[in-house]
Amino acid sequence: MTTYIISVPGTFTGELGHGTRTELARALRPVDPHGTHIGDEEDLDALTVNDDGTFTVRLRIDAADRLGAEREARRLAESALSAAGLDESSAPLGPTVVTGIDSDS
């Protein structure tokens, strides 16, 4: 298994309340990339929200290959958004991107 850091971009189509943002951050905590060698050296917050409503979710994924990691990252991002009360219409996601590979984990 290899540890991948996967970025999943998206856009909030409405206002993101403080409670929703807190719940989303809580749902992402188990796959926060800070626990990797890469995350110790880089600024890899699990959730970054920009002023224009765009956001990036960064996830630590253990998988056998890149495609499996990207699929799992998308599934986990969708699950975290759902746990925060958001769906595909209120927070559509863009394509996943491998941000890093941590082979020292």
Protein backbone atom coordinates (compact mmCIF):
# COMPACT_ATOMS: atom_id res chain seq x y z
CA MET A 1 0.00 0.00 0.00
CA THR A 2 1.04 3.55 -0.72
CA THR A 3 -0.19 6.68 1.00
CA TYR A 4 -1.50 9.27 -1.45
CA ILE A 5 -2.47 12.86 -0.81
CA ILE A 6 -5.47 13.55 -3.03
CA SER A 7 -6.95 17.00 -3.64
CA VAL A 8 -10.62 17.29 -4.51
CA PRO A 9 -11.74 20.78 -5.61
CA GLY A 10 -15.30 22.01 -5.39
CA THR A 11 -17.57 25.02 -5.14
CA PHE A 12 -20.09 25.93 -2.49
CA THR A 13 -23.12 27.27 -4.34
CA GLY A 14 -24.52 29.02 -1.25
CA GLU A 15 -23.38 30.41 2.05
CA LEU A 16 -21.34 28.07 4.22
CA GLY A 17 -22.37 28.52 7.85
CA HIS A 18 -19.89 28.16 10.68
CA GLY A 19 -21.62 25.01 11.97
CA THR A 20 -21.53 23.41 8.52
CA ARG A 21 -17.83 24.21 8.11
CA THR A 22 -17.10 22.81 11.59
CA GLU A 23 -19.00 19.59 10.83
CA LEU A 24 -17.22 19.22 7.49
CA ALA A 25 -13.81 19.65 9.15
CA ARG A 26 -14.80 17.06 11.77
CA ALA A 27 -15.85 14.58 9.07
CA LEU A 28 -12.50 15.04 7.30
CA ARG A 29 -10.37 14.62 10.43
CA PRO A 30 -9.76 10.83 10.03
CA VAL A 31 -8.11 11.38 6.62
CA ASP A 32 -6.28 14.64 7.41
CA PRO A 33 -2.98 14.71 5.47
CA HIS A 34 -1.05 16.30 8.36
CA GLY A 35 -0.25 12.82 9.69
CA THR A 36 1.96 12.02 6.70
CA HIS A 37 5.59 12.83 6.04
CA ILE A 38 4.40 15.24 3.33
CA GLY A 39 1.87 16.87 5.65
CA ASP A 40 4.53 17.54 8.27
CA GLU A 41 6.52 19.57 5.75
CA GLU A 42 3.79 21.19 3.68
CA ASP A 43 0.76 23.30 4.48
CA LEU A 44 -1.84 20.63 3.70
CA ASP A 45 -5.02 21.58 5.48
CA ALA A 46 -7.80 19.05 5.02
CA LEU A 47 -10.17 21.87 4.00
CA THR A 48 -9.34 25.19 2.36
CA VAL A 49 -12.19 27.58 1.54
CA ASN A 50 -11.63 30.63 -0.66
CA ASP A 51 -13.56 33.90 -0.55
CA ASP A 52 -15.31 33.10 -3.85
CA GLY A 53 -16.85 29.87 -2.47
CA THR A 54 -14.41 27.50 -4.10
CA PHE A 55 -12.77 24.95 -1.85
CA THR A 56 -10.24 22.15 -1.82
CA VAL A 57 -10.44 19.01 0.27
CA ARG A 58 -7.10 17.25 0.79
CA LEU A 59 -7.21 13.65 1.94
CA ARG A 60 -4.71 11.02 3.04
CA ILE A 61 -5.61 7.79 1.26
CA ASP A 62 -3.89 4.41 1.56
CA ALA A 63 -4.37 2.47 -1.65
CA ALA A 64 -2.67 0.01 -3.97
CA ASP A 65 -2.71 2.43 -6.91
CA ARG A 66 -3.48 5.98 -7.98
CA LEU A 67 -6.89 5.23 -9.49
CA GLY A 68 -8.04 3.43 -6.36
CA ALA A 69 -6.82 6.34 -4.24
CA GLU A 70 -8.68 8.87 -6.38
CA ARG A 71 -11.92 6.86 -6.26
CA GLU A 72 -11.69 6.49 -2.48
CA ALA A 73 -10.90 10.20 -2.04
CA ARG A 74 -13.98 11.18 -4.03
CA ARG A 75 -16.13 8.78 -2.01
CA LEU A 76 -14.79 10.15 1.29
CA ALA A 77 -15.17 13.77 0.17
CA GLU A 78 -18.79 13.14 -0.84
CA SER A 79 -19.42 11.37 2.48
CA ALA A 80 -17.92 14.25 4.50
CA LEU A 81 -20.00 16.80 2.57
CA SER A 82 -23.11 14.71 3.16
CA ALA A 83 -22.33 14.48 6.91
CA ALA A 84 -22.22 18.29 6.93
CA GLY A 85 -25.63 18.48 5.25
CA LEU A 86 -24.34 19.30 1.77
CA ASP A 87 -25.13 17.49 -1.48
CA GLU A 88 -23.97 17.58 -5.10
CA SER A 89 -26.11 20.63 -5.86
CA SER A 90 -24.85 22.68 -2.89
CA ALA A 91 -21.19 21.60 -3.19
CA PRO A 92 -20.36 20.12 -6.60
CA LEU A 93 -16.93 18.51 -6.82
CA GLY A 94 -14.34 18.74 -9.58
CA PRO A 95 -11.86 16.11 -10.71
CA THR A 96 -9.51 14.53 -8.17
CA VAL A 97 -5.78 15.20 -8.39
CA VAL A 98 -2.86 13.37 -6.81
CA THR A 99 -1.08 16.08 -4.81
CA GLY A 100 1.61 13.86 -3.30
CA ILE A 101 2.79 10.35 -2.62
CA ASP A 102 4.17 9.45 0.80
CA SER A 103 6.23 6.30 0.47
CA ASP A 104 7.77 6.69 3.97
CA SER A 105 4.53 6.03 5.91
